[in-house]
Amino acid sequence: MFSTPLISPDNTWALMAITCGWAAFSIYAEQTWTWASKMSGAIVALLGALILTNLGIIPTNCVFFDDIVWGYVVPMAIPLLLLSCDIRKIGREAGKILVVFLFGAVGTSLGAVLGYNLLAGKVDNLAGVAAMMTGSYIGGTVNFAAMAGAFEVPGEASSAAVVADNLLMTLYFFVLIAIPSIKFFRDKFTHPHLDEVESQGISEEAKTQAAAFWGKKPISLCDIAINLAISVIVVWVSTEIAAFISAAFPTGNGVVTDLIGGLFGNKYLILTTISMIIATAFSKPLEKLGGSQEIGTYLIYLFFFVIGAPASIKAIFLNAPLLLVFCAIMVIVNMLFCFVFGKIFKFDLEDCILASNACIGGPTTAAAMAISKGWIKLVGPIMLVGTLGYVLGTYFGTFIGNFLGA
């Protein structure tokens, strides 16, 4: 293992080559070999980055990962994948996932209280960290930062929490992606979206279920041009609108202002809304547009690779082993609430998986998981529900921080 990464963080071309190359291998493996199909290409992508990072070959953070993939690739992928999400068809699913999401948010909060009671006195600034992680595990990074500032959590505690979170997220995604293949969950829950994908069958030419689902389809140069144009225009317009609303309704000026600015000033909410309006208003011509799902899904595979990169096993065991335990307690309680209450209220397995993912990982990772599994009809609903978490996260985090005396 190298003390410094073999490939430096500023070697963008090399990092891009590795990311694109491994994404291509992950897709090929999923569509060629049974073991990879059962594991899913998403896990293959994550695992590749995890191994390369911990062998010291690639850095955990760099401009390509943090700015290009997170800043450009992910936003571009979302409109492409939402072009088939007619608003008229997704209302029922959004409502179901929202209910499970709210159960998960309560579970996250109770998990923070439980973890605090178990580890109080063993971890410095734990009450503040609990507030940060509650905000993050219901909303996202913006809520994490807001809670760190609100409760004046020291920088070293925040950094340690980020390291613990990065490793845990990788392990968590492994588990969630594997759940649909586990007999226990398939027997205990209904899973119509999983059944729909599997009902397509495997042709003689297709070697796996993934190969059957992503079989060759006609796509023209004009299709590619229109897809990319729609994607970039939607992201640009959404970014401008979100920036305008955020400036008009800055945080810290009251509950109503915070609510409007936090919700409608979120780029991903605006992006999702505009994409689904387009998908609904132009549903018939868009049905003839080829390549939207394929291009968008490829971009998401780049994202899955990048998710695995920050998970430094060495860093967490050297700097914050108990914080990993604390975060794990929160995640486990969240999952228990999502799956137990999901079972009680007879929700589908897909609803429980994606709602938990939207809480812990946020709307982008939840949408990515839905895409990787072929649950395209759930991409729009989970983006909407997950984005709502950005608003709720700050309120839940503030409550937990004050309750624990941060």
Protein backbone atom coordinates (compact mmCIF):
# COMPACT_ATOMS: atom_id res chain seq x y z
CA MET A 1 0.00 0.00 0.00
CA PHE A 2 1.35 3.42 -0.94
CA SER A 3 1.69 6.22 1.65
CA THR A 4 0.50 8.67 -1.00
CA PRO A 5 -1.74 7.75 -3.94
CA LEU A 6 0.08 6.31 -6.93
CA ILE A 7 -2.08 8.52 -9.13
CA SER A 8 -2.10 12.09 -7.88
CA PRO A 9 -5.40 13.95 -7.33
CA ASP A 10 -4.58 16.44 -10.08
CA ASN A 11 -4.01 13.75 -12.75
CA THR A 12 -7.54 14.12 -14.09
CA TRP A 13 -7.04 12.18 -17.32
CA ALA A 14 -5.70 9.13 -15.50
CA LEU A 15 -8.55 9.22 -12.95
CA MET A 16 -11.09 9.68 -15.73
CA ALA A 17 -9.61 6.72 -17.61
CA ILE A 18 -9.80 4.48 -14.53
CA THR A 19 -13.35 5.61 -13.69
CA CYS A 20 -14.69 5.14 -17.22
CA GLY A 21 -12.76 1.91 -17.69
CA TRP A 22 -14.06 0.35 -14.47
CA ALA A 23 -17.60 1.55 -15.18
CA ALA A 24 -17.41 -0.18 -18.56
CA PHE A 25 -16.10 -3.36 -16.91
CA SER A 26 -18.89 -3.23 -14.30
CA ILE A 27 -21.57 -3.00 -16.97
CA TYR A 28 -19.94 -5.73 -19.06
CA ALA A 29 -19.56 -8.01 -16.04
CA GLU A 30 -23.20 -7.55 -14.99
CA GLN A 31 -24.38 -8.44 -18.48
CA THR A 32 -21.95 -11.34 -19.01
CA TRP A 33 -21.36 -13.27 -15.79
CA THR A 34 -23.99 -14.64 -13.42
CA TRP A 35 -22.02 -13.79 -10.27
CA ALA A 36 -21.76 -10.13 -11.30
CA SER A 37 -25.42 -10.00 -12.30
CA LYS A 38 -26.46 -11.28 -8.87
CA MET A 39 -24.09 -8.85 -7.17
CA SER A 40 -25.17 -6.05 -9.60
CA GLY A 41 -22.94 -3.80 -11.65
CA ALA A 42 -23.35 -1.04 -9.06
CA ILE A 43 -21.59 -3.11 -6.39
CA VAL A 44 -18.86 -4.09 -8.87
CA ALA A 45 -18.29 -0.37 -9.53
CA LEU A 46 -18.26 0.48 -5.82
CA LEU A 47 -15.99 -2.41 -4.94
CA GLY A 48 -13.48 -1.44 -7.62
CA ALA A 49 -13.12 2.07 -6.24
CA LEU A 50 -12.94 0.78 -2.65
CA ILE A 51 -10.08 -1.58 -3.52
CA LEU A 52 -8.14 0.97 -5.57
CA THR A 53 -8.47 3.60 -2.85
CA ASN A 54 -7.36 1.36 -0.01
CA LEU A 55 -4.42 -0.01 -2.01
CA GLY A 56 -3.28 3.58 -2.41
CA ILE A 57 -3.62 3.60 -6.19
CA ILE A 58 -6.20 6.41 -6.48
CA PRO A 59 -6.93 9.30 -4.09
CA THR A 60 -10.03 9.46 -1.91
CA ASN A 61 -10.83 12.97 -3.13
CA CYS A 62 -9.93 14.95 -6.23
CA VAL A 63 -11.31 17.55 -8.61
CA PHE A 64 -12.58 14.90 -11.03
CA PHE A 65 -14.54 13.04 -8.34
CA ASP A 66 -15.79 16.00 -6.31
CA ASP A 67 -16.33 18.69 -8.92
CA ILE A 68 -16.78 16.99 -12.28
CA VAL A 69 -18.71 13.81 -11.40
CA TRP A 70 -20.69 15.23 -8.47
CA GLY A 71 -20.98 18.69 -10.01
CA TYR A 72 -21.73 17.88 -13.66
CA VAL A 73 -22.18 14.17 -14.37
CA VAL A 74 -24.83 13.49 -11.70
CA PRO A 75 -27.00 16.55 -12.49
CA MET A 76 -26.86 15.70 -16.21
CA ALA A 77 -27.90 12.10 -15.57
CA ILE A 78 -31.07 12.98 -13.68
CA PRO A 79 -33.03 14.74 -16.47
CA LEU A 80 -32.15 11.94 -18.88
CA LEU A 81 -33.51 9.33 -16.49
CA LEU A 82 -36.65 11.31 -15.70
CA LEU A 83 -37.75 11.76 -19.30
CA SER A 84 -39.93 8.67 -18.96
CA CYS A 85 -41.45 9.81 -15.64
CA ASP A 86 -44.92 11.07 -16.53
CA ILE A 87 -46.23 12.89 -13.41
CA ARG A 88 -49.69 11.43 -14.04
CA LYS A 89 -48.32 7.96 -13.43
CA ILE A 90 -46.19 8.41 -10.30
CA GLY A 91 -48.45 9.98 -7.65
CA ARG A 92 -49.31 6.72 -5.93
CA GLU A 93 -45.71 5.56 -5.68
CA ALA A 94 -44.48 8.91 -4.33
CA GLY A 95 -47.07 8.77 -1.53
CA LYS A 96 -46.08 5.25 -0.50
CA ILE A 97 -42.38 6.02 -0.44
CA LEU A 98 -42.97 9.24 1.50
CA VAL A 99 -44.67 7.32 4.33
CA VAL A 100 -41.76 4.87 4.61
CA PHE A 101 -39.30 7.76 4.37
CA LEU A 102 -40.92 9.47 7.36
CA PHE A 103 -40.71 6.25 9.38
CA GLY A 104 -37.04 6.11 8.43
CA ALA A 105 -36.50 9.71 9.55
CA VAL A 106 -37.92 8.87 12.97
CA GLY A 107 -35.69 5.78 13.08
CA THR A 108 -32.63 7.87 12.23
CA SER A 109 -33.41 10.27 15.08
CA LEU A 110 -33.99 7.48 17.60
CA GLY A 111 -30.81 5.79 16.40
CA ALA A 112 -28.89 8.99 17.18
CA VAL A 113 -30.32 9.04 20.72
CA LEU A 114 -29.52 5.34 21.22
CA GLY A 115 -25.98 5.74 19.90
CA TYR A 116 -25.42 8.77 22.11
CA ASN A 117 -26.55 6.91 25.23
CA LEU A 118 -24.27 3.97 24.41
CA LEU A 119 -21.17 5.99 23.54
CA ALA A 120 -21.50 9.20 25.59
CA GLY A 121 -18.18 10.02 27.27
CA LYS A 122 -16.23 7.86 24.82
CA VAL A 123 -16.44 10.22 21.84
CA ASP A 124 -15.77 13.96 22.03
CA ASN A 125 -18.52 16.36 20.91
CA LEU A 126 -20.88 13.43 20.40
CA ALA A 127 -24.08 15.48 20.89
CA GLY A 128 -23.04 17.85 18.11
CA VAL A 129 -22.02 14.94 15.90
CA ALA A 130 -25.43 13.35 16.57
CA ALA A 131 -27.12 16.52 15.35
CA MET A 132 -24.91 16.62 12.23
CA MET A 133 -25.47 12.97 11.36
CA THR A 134 -29.22 13.20 11.99
CA GLY A 135 -29.42 16.10 9.57
CA SER A 136 -27.23 14.28 7.05
CA TYR A 137 -29.06 10.92 7.37
CA ILE A 138 -32.42 12.55 6.70
CA GLY A 139 -31.23 15.24 4.31
CA GLY A 140 -27.70 15.46 3.01
CA THR A 141 -24.38 17.31 3.08
CA VAL A 142 -26.02 20.72 3.27
CA ASN A 143 -27.80 19.67 6.49
CA PHE A 144 -24.54 18.24 7.87
CA ALA A 145 -22.84 21.60 7.32
CA ALA A 146 -25.79 23.52 8.75
CA MET A 147 -25.76 21.48 11.97
CA ALA A 148 -21.98 21.75 12.29
CA GLY A 149 -22.32 25.52 12.19
CA ALA A 150 -25.41 25.69 14.37
CA PHE A 151 -23.86 23.67 17.21
CA GLU A 152 -20.27 24.89 16.65
CA VAL A 153 -18.83 21.41 16.24
CA PRO A 154 -15.00 21.54 16.06
CA GLY A 155 -13.39 20.91 12.69
CA GLU A 156 -11.59 17.74 13.79
CA ALA A 157 -14.88 16.18 14.96
CA SER A 158 -16.58 17.10 11.69
CA SER A 159 -13.71 15.65 9.64
CA ALA A 160 -13.73 12.41 11.62
CA ALA A 161 -17.50 12.12 11.14
CA VAL A 162 -17.09 12.58 7.38
CA VAL A 163 -14.49 9.80 7.23
CA ALA A 164 -16.73 7.43 9.22
CA ASP A 165 -19.71 8.31 7.06
CA ASN A 166 -17.82 7.68 3.80
CA LEU A 167 -16.80 4.15 4.77
CA LEU A 168 -20.18 3.28 6.23
CA MET A 169 -21.99 4.51 3.13
CA THR A 170 -20.04 2.10 0.96
CA LEU A 171 -20.85 -0.84 3.23
CA TYR A 172 -24.49 0.30 3.49
CA PHE A 173 -24.91 0.43 -0.29
CA PHE A 174 -23.50 -3.09 -0.57
CA VAL A 175 -26.18 -4.31 1.80
CA LEU A 176 -29.08 -2.43 0.21
CA ILE A 177 -28.20 -3.48 -3.31
CA ALA A 178 -27.94 -7.11 -2.19
CA ILE A 179 -31.28 -7.21 -0.35
CA PRO A 180 -33.47 -7.86 -3.45
CA SER A 181 -31.48 -11.05 -4.05
CA ILE A 182 -31.94 -12.38 -0.50
CA LYS A 183 -34.69 -14.99 -0.18
CA PHE A 184 -35.85 -13.79 3.25
CA PHE A 185 -36.81 -10.35 1.96
CA ARG A 186 -38.34 -11.71 -1.23
CA ASP A 187 -40.54 -14.03 0.81
CA LYS A 188 -41.63 -11.40 3.35
CA PHE A 189 -42.37 -8.49 0.99
CA THR A 190 -44.18 -7.95 -2.27
CA HIS A 191 -41.84 -6.73 -5.02
CA PRO A 192 -43.77 -5.78 -8.17
CA HIS A 193 -40.99 -3.74 -9.76
CA LEU A 194 -38.49 -6.52 -9.28
CA ASP A 195 -41.00 -8.96 -10.75
CA GLU A 196 -41.58 -6.68 -13.73
CA VAL A 197 -37.87 -6.60 -14.57
CA GLU A 198 -37.52 -10.35 -14.14
CA SER A 199 -40.68 -11.11 -16.13
CA GLN A 200 -39.00 -9.87 -19.27
CA GLY A 201 -37.07 -13.11 -19.29
CA ILE A 202 -33.65 -13.84 -20.73
CA SER A 203 -33.30 -14.43 -24.43
CA GLU A 204 -30.90 -16.93 -25.93
CA GLU A 205 -28.53 -14.10 -26.81
CA ALA A 206 -28.66 -12.49 -23.36
CA LYS A 207 -26.43 -14.10 -20.77
CA THR A 208 -27.97 -12.45 -17.69
CA GLN A 209 -31.11 -10.60 -16.60
CA ALA A 210 -29.23 -7.30 -16.91
CA ALA A 211 -28.27 -8.11 -20.48
CA ALA A 212 -31.92 -8.83 -21.29
CA PHE A 213 -33.10 -5.58 -19.73
CA TRP A 214 -30.42 -3.49 -21.43
CA GLY A 215 -30.63 -5.18 -24.82
CA LYS A 216 -29.65 -3.34 -27.99
CA LYS A 217 -32.10 -0.64 -29.06
CA PRO A 218 -32.10 1.74 -32.01
CA ILE A 219 -30.57 5.14 -31.28
CA SER A 220 -29.66 7.85 -33.78
CA LEU A 221 -27.19 10.73 -33.74
CA CYS A 222 -30.18 13.07 -33.48
CA ASP A 223 -31.39 11.16 -30.39
CA ILE A 224 -28.04 11.67 -28.69
CA ALA A 225 -28.00 15.36 -29.57
CA ILE A 226 -31.53 15.97 -28.28
CA ASN A 227 -30.93 13.99 -25.09
CA LEU A 228 -27.80 15.92 -24.17
CA ALA A 229 -29.38 19.25 -25.11
CA ILE A 230 -32.40 18.62 -22.89
CA SER A 231 -30.17 17.48 -20.02
CA VAL A 232 -27.80 20.46 -20.10
CA ILE A 233 -30.57 23.03 -20.59
CA VAL A 234 -32.61 21.62 -17.70
CA VAL A 235 -29.59 21.64 -15.38
CA TRP A 236 -28.68 25.20 -16.37
CA VAL A 237 -32.21 26.57 -15.89
CA SER A 238 -32.61 24.68 -12.60
CA THR A 239 -29.32 26.02 -11.25
CA GLU A 240 -30.29 29.60 -12.07
CA ILE A 241 -33.75 29.27 -10.53
CA ALA A 242 -32.40 27.63 -7.38
CA ALA A 243 -29.74 30.32 -6.97
CA PHE A 244 -32.35 33.07 -7.37
CA ILE A 245 -34.68 31.54 -4.77
CA SER A 246 -31.84 30.89 -2.31
CA ALA A 247 -30.76 34.52 -2.58
CA ALA A 248 -34.33 35.77 -2.17
CA PHE A 249 -35.00 33.56 0.87
CA PRO A 250 -31.72 33.23 2.82
CA THR A 251 -31.62 30.87 5.79
CA GLY A 252 -31.70 32.20 9.35
CA ASN A 253 -34.60 34.60 8.87
CA GLY A 254 -37.41 32.51 10.29
CA VAL A 255 -39.09 29.16 9.80
CA VAL A 256 -41.09 30.16 6.72
CA THR A 257 -38.08 31.71 4.97
CA ASP A 258 -35.93 28.70 5.83
CA LEU A 259 -38.60 26.37 4.50
CA ILE A 260 -39.02 28.22 1.19
CA GLY A 261 -35.30 28.75 0.67
CA GLY A 262 -34.33 25.24 1.75
CA LEU A 263 -36.94 23.48 -0.35
CA PHE A 264 -37.33 25.58 -3.48
CA GLY A 265 -33.74 26.77 -3.45
CA ASN A 266 -32.53 23.22 -3.86
CA LYS A 267 -31.21 22.61 -7.35
CA TYR A 268 -32.15 18.94 -7.37
CA LEU A 269 -35.78 19.63 -6.49
CA ILE A 270 -36.07 22.23 -9.27
CA LEU A 271 -34.25 19.91 -11.66
CA THR A 272 -36.54 16.99 -10.85
CA THR A 273 -39.68 19.12 -11.15
CA ILE A 274 -38.75 20.64 -14.51
CA SER A 275 -37.69 17.24 -15.89
CA MET A 276 -40.99 15.62 -14.95
CA ILE A 277 -43.02 18.55 -16.33
CA ILE A 278 -41.21 18.06 -19.64
CA ALA A 279 -41.75 14.29 -19.45
CA THR A 280 -45.46 14.81 -18.85
CA ALA A 281 -46.08 17.60 -21.37
CA PHE A 282 -44.14 15.90 -24.16
CA SER A 283 -44.72 12.25 -23.27
CA LYS A 284 -45.63 11.14 -26.81
CA PRO A 285 -42.62 12.60 -28.68
CA LEU A 286 -40.29 11.53 -25.89
CA GLU A 287 -41.46 7.94 -26.27
CA LYS A 288 -39.79 7.98 -29.69
CA LEU A 289 -36.52 9.37 -28.32
CA GLY A 290 -33.95 6.63 -27.97
CA GLY A 291 -31.00 6.45 -25.61
CA SER A 292 -32.20 8.53 -22.64
CA GLN A 293 -32.10 5.65 -20.17
CA GLU A 294 -28.89 4.22 -21.56
CA ILE A 295 -26.90 7.47 -21.46
CA GLY A 296 -28.27 8.44 -18.06
CA THR A 297 -27.55 5.02 -16.58
CA TYR A 298 -23.98 5.05 -17.86
CA LEU A 299 -23.41 8.39 -16.14
CA ILE A 300 -24.83 6.92 -12.94
CA TYR A 301 -22.29 4.08 -13.11
CA LEU A 302 -19.53 6.70 -13.04
CA PHE A 303 -21.23 8.07 -9.94
CA PHE A 304 -21.26 4.64 -8.25
CA PHE A 305 -17.51 4.35 -8.76
CA VAL A 306 -16.97 7.77 -7.19
CA ILE A 307 -19.14 6.87 -4.17
CA GLY A 308 -16.69 4.09 -3.29
CA ALA A 309 -13.56 6.24 -3.58
CA PRO A 310 -13.68 8.19 -0.27
CA ALA A 311 -14.01 5.02 1.86
CA SER A 312 -10.56 4.85 3.45
CA ILE A 313 -10.55 1.89 5.84
CA LYS A 314 -7.15 2.88 7.25
CA ALA A 315 -8.30 6.44 8.04
CA ILE A 316 -11.40 5.38 9.93
CA PHE A 317 -9.60 2.83 12.14
CA LEU A 318 -6.82 5.28 12.90
CA ASN A 319 -8.98 8.35 13.51
CA ALA A 320 -12.54 7.49 14.43
CA PRO A 321 -13.45 3.83 15.05
CA LEU A 322 -16.19 4.64 17.57
CA LEU A 323 -17.73 7.20 15.24
CA LEU A 324 -18.13 4.38 12.71
CA VAL A 325 -19.99 2.42 15.39
CA PHE A 326 -22.17 5.44 16.17
CA CYS A 327 -23.08 5.99 12.52
CA ALA A 328 -23.73 2.26 12.09
CA ILE A 329 -26.22 2.31 14.98
CA MET A 330 -28.12 5.16 13.31
CA VAL A 331 -28.20 3.38 9.96
CA ILE A 332 -29.30 0.05 11.45
CA VAL A 333 -32.17 1.65 13.38
CA ASN A 334 -33.22 3.53 10.24
CA MET A 335 -33.32 0.29 8.26
CA LEU A 336 -35.28 -1.47 11.01
CA PHE A 337 -37.90 1.26 10.99
CA CYS A 338 -38.17 1.28 7.20
CA PHE A 339 -38.45 -2.47 6.80
CA VAL A 340 -40.48 -3.31 9.92
CA PHE A 341 -43.07 -0.57 9.41
CA GLY A 342 -42.98 -1.19 5.68
CA LYS A 343 -43.94 -4.78 6.37
CA ILE A 344 -46.64 -3.81 8.88
CA PHE A 345 -48.27 -1.43 6.42
CA LYS A 346 -47.76 -3.85 3.51
CA PHE A 347 -45.51 -1.65 1.41
CA ASP A 348 -43.39 -3.11 -1.36
CA LEU A 349 -39.77 -4.17 -0.84
CA GLU A 350 -38.65 -1.57 -3.39
CA ASP A 351 -40.37 1.20 -1.38
CA CYS A 352 -38.53 0.21 1.80
CA ILE A 353 -35.13 -0.06 0.12
CA LEU A 354 -35.36 3.26 -1.69
CA ALA A 355 -36.88 5.15 1.26
CA SER A 356 -34.03 4.03 3.52
CA ASN A 357 -31.53 4.96 0.82
CA ALA A 358 -33.13 8.38 0.36
CA CYS A 359 -32.79 9.02 4.09
CA ILE A 360 -29.23 7.84 4.55
CA GLY A 361 -27.71 8.50 1.15
CA GLY A 362 -29.96 11.21 -0.28
CA PRO A 363 -32.07 11.43 -3.45
CA THR A 364 -29.21 11.01 -5.91
CA THR A 365 -27.96 7.71 -4.48
CA ALA A 366 -31.54 6.43 -4.11
CA ALA A 367 -32.29 7.31 -7.73
CA ALA A 368 -29.04 5.67 -8.79
CA MET A 369 -30.02 2.47 -7.01
CA ALA A 370 -33.46 2.47 -8.64
CA ILE A 371 -31.81 2.89 -12.02
CA SER A 372 -29.25 0.16 -11.43
CA LYS A 373 -32.07 -2.27 -10.55
CA GLY A 374 -34.22 -1.30 -13.52
CA TRP A 375 -36.97 0.24 -11.34
CA ILE A 376 -37.29 3.19 -13.68
CA LYS A 377 -40.85 4.06 -12.57
CA LEU A 378 -39.57 4.82 -9.07
CA VAL A 379 -36.83 7.25 -10.09
CA GLY A 380 -39.13 10.30 -10.13
CA PRO A 381 -40.90 9.53 -6.84
CA ILE A 382 -37.71 8.82 -4.93
CA MET A 383 -36.08 12.00 -6.22
CA LEU A 384 -39.05 14.05 -4.99
CA VAL A 385 -39.22 12.33 -1.60
CA GLY A 386 -35.46 12.36 -1.08
CA THR A 387 -35.24 16.05 -1.90
CA LEU A 388 -37.86 16.79 0.76
CA GLY A 389 -35.33 15.35 3.21
CA TYR A 390 -33.11 18.39 2.65
CA VAL A 391 -35.78 20.47 4.36
CA LEU A 392 -36.71 17.99 7.09
CA GLY A 393 -33.09 17.14 7.93
CA THR A 394 -32.31 20.52 9.44
CA TYR A 395 -35.37 20.44 11.69
CA PHE A 396 -34.78 16.88 12.89
CA GLY A 397 -31.07 17.60 13.41
CA THR A 398 -31.77 20.77 15.38
CA PHE A 399 -34.23 18.93 17.61
CA ILE A 400 -31.79 16.09 18.32
CA GLY A 401 -28.93 18.49 19.00
CA ASN A 402 -30.97 20.47 21.51
CA PHE A 403 -32.44 17.32 23.06
CA LEU A 404 -28.96 15.89 23.69
CA GLY A 405 -27.63 19.21 24.96
CA ALA A 406 -25.17 19.98 22.17
